[in-house]
Amino acid sequence: MSKQNERLWDELARNGVLCSQPRLHLTPQKAMAYLNRHGHYGQDLSGKKVLCLASGGRQQSVAFALLDAEVTIVDFSEEQLKKERLVSQIYDRAIRIVKSDMRDLSQFEVAEFDIVYQPHSINYVPDILTVFDAISRVLRPGGLYDLMLHNPYVHGTWKNGCWEGEWQAAEIWQGKGYPIWQPYCNGYPIQIVNPHWRFNDPNGNAVSIPSPQEYRHTLSTVLNGLLSRSFQLLRFEEEEGTDFDAPPGTWEHYQSCVPPWLYVLSRKGL
């Protein structure tokens, strides 16, 4: 399944899926506001060693680089990494680029990094504990792990693989709500009724590509997995909607009912 996901992510990246589109107008000020929402990184990232894990697509890595961090990007998609090489040239910032699965960080030294930043990607592997083990080895004591993941409760409403949520919300709205229909089981492979991501490429053309396989991870597995590896939880955040008057079946209404993503910030114990 990992190879299949790699192939599908290559195809998504080639076709310009939203998370693969570059941030080409960043300044150091905008980069700090984008990455450091709650100030946990402090105001000076110069010289910090940052691992952007499974985050190819030329978005977060260059933001860290603009703040003078020493940035390493790991991704298993060669197409995503091509975009990283291009954006590092555009901004004239050095970014170390490594092609690898997020579960295998054996090429790095013990306690090599000050920050591990992982956007929405951990739901593409069935066992997150192998990822936590790898991160625990390469993150220094006192280092920060910034994780974004799918809200496991909301993940049980999923029916199709689209990234851009309008179709998703419209297709799972059942007149009275958004029913949860998939088992709440750690590592459960999310079932897709309409197995395609549908989005518009950068030129506005409609694209439909088969969905990579996602897996549901229970909240207890995530939190206890971190705690048992001596991580201290610093912040837990839900991505809440704000438009409570949005029409049912729209993405804005869906977000106002069920926050789709969670953010967990933790520090490795000393």
Protein backbone atom coordinates (compact mmCIF):
# COMPACT_ATOMS: atom_id res chain seq x y z
CA MET A 1 0.00 0.00 0.00
CA SER A 2 2.91 2.38 0.65
CA LYS A 3 4.09 2.05 -2.96
CA GLN A 4 0.57 2.61 -4.24
CA ASN A 5 0.23 5.75 -2.12
CA GLU A 6 3.61 6.95 -3.37
CA ARG A 7 2.49 6.51 -6.98
CA LEU A 8 -0.81 8.30 -6.38
CA TRP A 9 0.86 11.19 -4.57
CA ASP A 10 3.23 11.58 -7.51
CA GLU A 11 0.19 11.87 -9.75
CA LEU A 12 -1.57 14.34 -7.45
CA ALA A 13 1.55 16.51 -7.30
CA ARG A 14 2.02 16.45 -11.08
CA ASN A 15 -1.54 17.70 -11.47
CA GLY A 16 -1.21 20.54 -8.97
CA VAL A 17 -3.34 19.46 -6.01
CA LEU A 18 -3.79 22.34 -3.56
CA CYS A 19 -1.30 21.12 -0.93
CA SER A 20 1.31 20.82 -3.69
CA GLN A 21 1.01 24.41 -4.85
CA PRO A 22 3.84 26.72 -3.77
CA ARG A 23 3.86 29.70 -1.47
CA LEU A 24 5.69 32.12 -3.75
CA HIS A 25 5.08 35.41 -1.97
CA LEU A 26 6.40 34.68 1.50
CA THR A 27 8.43 37.15 3.50
CA PRO A 28 10.13 36.31 6.80
CA GLN A 29 7.27 38.11 8.58
CA LYS A 30 4.60 36.13 6.73
CA ALA A 31 6.54 32.89 7.29
CA MET A 32 6.67 33.51 11.04
CA ALA A 33 2.94 34.25 11.20
CA TYR A 34 2.18 31.13 9.14
CA LEU A 35 4.29 28.69 11.14
CA ASN A 36 4.33 30.15 14.63
CA ARG A 37 0.62 30.63 15.30
CA HIS A 38 0.92 30.46 19.08
CA GLY A 39 4.48 31.60 19.64
CA HIS A 40 5.82 28.26 20.84
CA TYR A 41 8.80 28.47 18.49
CA GLY A 42 9.93 31.78 19.94
CA GLN A 43 10.93 34.71 17.75
CA ASP A 44 14.29 33.44 16.52
CA LEU A 45 14.59 30.23 14.50
CA SER A 46 18.00 30.99 13.05
CA GLY A 47 20.23 27.94 13.23
CA LYS A 48 17.45 25.66 14.45
CA LYS A 49 17.51 22.25 12.80
CA VAL A 50 14.04 21.55 11.45
CA LEU A 51 12.71 18.33 9.92
CA CYS A 52 9.65 18.85 7.72
CA LEU A 53 8.28 15.32 7.77
CA ALA A 54 6.20 13.99 4.87
CA SER A 55 5.53 17.60 3.92
CA GLY A 56 6.72 17.85 0.33
CA GLY A 57 5.08 20.39 -1.94
CA ARG A 58 7.16 23.54 -1.32
CA GLN A 59 5.08 25.14 1.42
CA GLN A 60 6.37 24.72 4.99
CA SER A 61 10.04 24.01 4.31
CA VAL A 62 10.72 27.31 2.57
CA ALA A 63 8.90 29.18 5.33
CA PHE A 64 11.32 27.72 7.89
CA ALA A 65 14.25 28.43 5.55
CA LEU A 66 13.23 32.09 5.26
CA LEU A 67 13.56 32.27 9.04
CA ASP A 68 17.17 31.03 8.73
CA ALA A 69 16.48 27.56 10.10
CA GLU A 70 18.52 24.60 8.80
CA VAL A 71 15.77 22.71 7.00
CA THR A 72 15.51 19.06 5.99
CA ILE A 73 12.49 17.82 4.04
CA VAL A 74 11.52 14.13 3.95
CA ASP A 75 8.88 12.82 1.57
CA PHE A 76 8.34 9.60 -0.38
CA SER A 77 6.97 11.37 -3.46
CA GLU A 78 9.62 12.34 -6.00
CA GLU A 79 7.18 14.74 -7.64
CA GLN A 80 6.68 16.56 -4.35
CA LEU A 81 10.43 16.74 -3.85
CA LYS A 82 10.89 18.21 -7.33
CA LYS A 83 8.76 21.11 -6.19
CA GLU A 84 10.95 21.50 -3.11
CA ARG A 85 14.06 21.76 -5.29
CA LEU A 86 12.39 24.36 -7.48
CA VAL A 87 11.19 26.57 -4.62
CA SER A 88 14.58 26.43 -2.89
CA GLN A 89 16.07 27.85 -6.09
CA ILE A 90 13.37 30.53 -6.39
CA TYR A 91 13.99 31.76 -2.85
CA ASP A 92 17.72 31.00 -2.99
CA ARG A 93 17.55 29.08 0.29
CA ALA A 94 19.30 25.81 1.07
CA ILE A 95 16.96 22.89 1.87
CA ARG A 96 18.27 19.37 2.41
CA ILE A 97 15.98 17.02 0.48
CA VAL A 98 15.65 13.34 1.37
CA LYS A 99 13.41 10.76 -0.32
CA SER A 100 12.16 8.35 2.34
CA ASP A 101 9.07 6.93 3.99
CA MET A 102 8.09 8.84 7.15
CA ARG A 103 8.53 5.62 9.15
CA ASP A 104 12.20 5.31 8.22
CA LEU A 105 14.44 8.09 9.54
CA SER A 106 17.44 5.82 10.04
CA GLN A 107 19.65 8.04 7.84
CA PHE A 108 19.59 10.77 10.50
CA GLU A 109 21.59 11.04 13.69
CA VAL A 110 20.14 10.54 17.16
CA ALA A 111 18.81 13.85 18.55
CA GLU A 112 19.66 15.65 15.29
CA PHE A 113 16.65 17.99 15.11
CA ASP A 114 15.21 20.78 17.25
CA ILE A 115 11.78 20.73 15.58
CA VAL A 116 9.83 18.08 13.68
CA TYR A 117 6.98 19.66 11.73
CA GLN A 118 4.42 17.26 10.24
CA PRO A 119 1.38 18.60 8.37
CA HIS A 120 -1.53 16.34 7.38
CA SER A 121 0.26 13.15 6.33
CA ILE A 122 0.29 10.70 9.23
CA ASN A 123 -3.13 9.34 8.22
CA TYR A 124 -1.51 7.71 5.18
CA VAL A 125 0.23 5.03 7.26
CA PRO A 126 -1.60 2.32 9.22
CA ASP A 127 0.65 2.37 12.30
CA ILE A 128 1.51 5.79 13.70
CA LEU A 129 3.57 4.34 16.55
CA THR A 130 6.36 3.44 14.14
CA VAL A 131 6.42 7.12 13.12
CA PHE A 132 6.52 8.24 16.76
CA ASP A 133 9.42 5.86 17.42
CA ALA A 134 11.35 7.31 14.49
CA ILE A 135 10.67 10.89 15.58
CA SER A 136 11.59 10.19 19.18
CA ARG A 137 15.01 8.96 18.03
CA VAL A 138 15.89 11.97 15.86
CA LEU A 139 14.39 14.74 18.03
CA ARG A 140 16.62 16.19 20.72
CA PRO A 141 15.44 16.30 24.35
CA GLY A 142 13.35 19.44 24.72
CA GLY A 143 12.63 19.50 20.97
CA LEU A 144 9.18 20.23 19.57
CA TYR A 145 6.94 17.92 17.53
CA ASP A 146 4.21 19.84 15.68
CA LEU A 147 1.62 17.37 14.33
CA MET A 148 -1.51 17.84 12.23
CA LEU A 149 -3.87 14.91 11.74
CA HIS A 150 -7.40 14.03 10.74
CA ASN A 151 -9.93 14.27 13.55
CA PRO A 152 -10.56 10.54 14.11
CA TYR A 153 -14.23 11.04 14.93
CA VAL A 154 -14.87 13.06 11.79
CA HIS A 155 -12.87 10.60 9.70
CA GLY A 156 -15.72 8.15 10.22
CA THR A 157 -18.03 10.33 8.11
CA TRP A 158 -15.77 10.25 5.03
CA LYS A 159 -17.25 8.93 1.79
CA ASN A 160 -14.95 10.08 -0.95
CA GLY A 161 -11.39 11.14 -1.41
CA CYS A 162 -11.72 14.74 -2.51
CA TRP A 163 -9.32 17.24 -1.00
CA GLU A 164 -11.40 20.31 -1.71
CA GLY A 165 -14.24 19.94 0.71
CA GLU A 166 -17.31 21.24 -1.12
CA TRP A 167 -18.00 17.92 -2.82
CA GLN A 168 -17.23 15.97 0.33
CA ALA A 169 -19.71 17.89 2.48
CA ALA A 170 -22.48 17.79 -0.11
CA GLU A 171 -22.17 14.06 -0.60
CA ILE A 172 -22.19 13.08 3.08
CA TRP A 173 -25.01 15.42 4.13
CA GLN A 174 -28.04 13.21 4.85
CA GLY A 175 -30.73 15.80 5.42
CA LYS A 176 -30.39 15.86 9.21
CA GLY A 177 -26.68 15.52 9.73
CA TYR A 178 -23.34 13.99 8.71
CA PRO A 179 -23.56 10.34 9.79
CA ILE A 180 -20.58 8.45 11.16
CA TRP A 181 -20.59 5.08 9.42
CA GLN A 182 -17.06 3.65 9.63
CA PRO A 183 -15.61 1.70 12.61
CA TYR A 184 -13.73 3.66 15.25
CA CYS A 185 -10.73 1.35 15.14
CA ASN A 186 -7.07 2.31 15.14
CA GLY A 187 -5.44 1.58 11.81
CA TYR A 188 -8.79 1.03 10.09
CA PRO A 189 -8.46 1.66 6.33
CA ILE A 190 -10.96 4.38 5.45
CA GLN A 191 -13.50 3.09 2.97
CA ILE A 192 -14.15 5.26 -0.06
CA VAL A 193 -17.48 5.20 -1.87
CA ASN A 194 -16.28 7.59 -4.55
CA PRO A 195 -12.55 6.78 -4.67
CA HIS A 196 -11.24 9.92 -6.33
CA TRP A 197 -9.86 13.30 -5.39
CA ARG A 198 -11.52 16.00 -7.48
CA PHE A 199 -9.96 19.42 -7.65
CA ASN A 200 -9.04 22.22 -10.01
CA ASP A 201 -5.42 22.45 -11.12
CA PRO A 202 -3.55 25.81 -11.10
CA ASN A 203 -4.99 26.56 -14.57
CA GLY A 204 -8.57 25.97 -13.41
CA ASN A 205 -8.98 22.60 -15.14
CA ALA A 206 -11.04 19.93 -13.37
CA VAL A 207 -8.95 16.92 -12.31
CA SER A 208 -10.00 13.53 -10.95
CA ILE A 209 -7.34 11.16 -9.57
CA PRO A 210 -7.71 7.92 -7.56
CA SER A 211 -7.46 8.48 -3.81
CA PRO A 212 -4.45 7.44 -1.74
CA GLN A 213 -5.39 5.10 1.11
CA GLU A 214 -5.98 6.80 4.46
CA TYR A 215 -6.19 5.15 7.88
CA ARG A 216 -8.14 6.10 10.96
CA HIS A 217 -6.13 6.66 14.15
CA THR A 218 -7.93 6.83 17.46
CA LEU A 219 -7.28 9.81 19.68
CA SER A 220 -6.17 7.58 22.55
CA THR A 221 -3.55 5.95 20.30
CA VAL A 222 -2.20 9.34 19.25
CA LEU A 223 -2.06 10.89 22.73
CA ASN A 224 -0.95 7.79 24.63
CA GLY A 225 1.59 7.02 21.91
CA LEU A 226 3.20 10.39 22.50
CA LEU A 227 2.97 10.28 26.30
CA SER A 228 4.48 6.79 26.49
CA ARG A 229 7.49 8.10 24.53
CA SER A 230 8.07 10.88 27.07
CA PHE A 231 6.48 13.64 25.02
CA GLN A 232 4.83 16.43 27.00
CA LEU A 233 1.65 17.84 25.48
CA LEU A 234 1.86 21.63 25.11
CA ARG A 235 -1.22 22.40 23.04
CA PHE A 236 -4.21 20.59 21.55
CA GLU A 237 -6.23 22.47 18.95
CA GLU A 238 -9.24 21.75 16.73
CA GLU A 239 -9.75 23.46 13.39
CA GLU A 240 -13.19 24.85 14.09
CA GLY A 241 -15.60 26.40 11.62
CA THR A 242 -16.97 29.88 12.21
CA ASP A 243 -19.87 30.19 9.77
CA PHE A 244 -22.74 28.79 11.82
CA ASP A 245 -25.35 30.11 9.37
CA ALA A 246 -23.87 28.33 6.35
CA PRO A 247 -26.33 26.20 4.32
CA PRO A 248 -26.30 22.47 5.21
CA GLY A 249 -24.20 20.42 2.84
CA THR A 250 -21.58 23.12 2.33
CA TRP A 251 -18.01 22.79 3.55
CA GLU A 252 -18.49 25.77 5.87
CA HIS A 253 -21.49 24.10 7.51
CA TYR A 254 -19.62 20.80 7.82
CA GLN A 255 -16.70 22.55 9.57
CA SER A 256 -19.07 24.31 11.94
CA CYS A 257 -20.51 20.93 13.00
CA VAL A 258 -17.43 18.71 13.02
CA PRO A 259 -13.85 20.07 13.12
CA PRO A 260 -12.02 18.07 10.43
CA TRP A 261 -8.42 18.46 11.64
CA LEU A 262 -6.55 18.40 14.93
CA TYR A 263 -3.20 19.91 15.90
CA VAL A 264 -1.04 18.44 18.66
CA LEU A 265 2.08 20.26 19.81
CA SER A 266 4.37 18.31 22.13
CA ARG A 267 7.87 18.52 23.57
CA LYS A 268 10.22 15.61 23.95
CA GLY A 269 11.08 15.06 27.61
CA LEU A 270 14.56 15.76 28.92
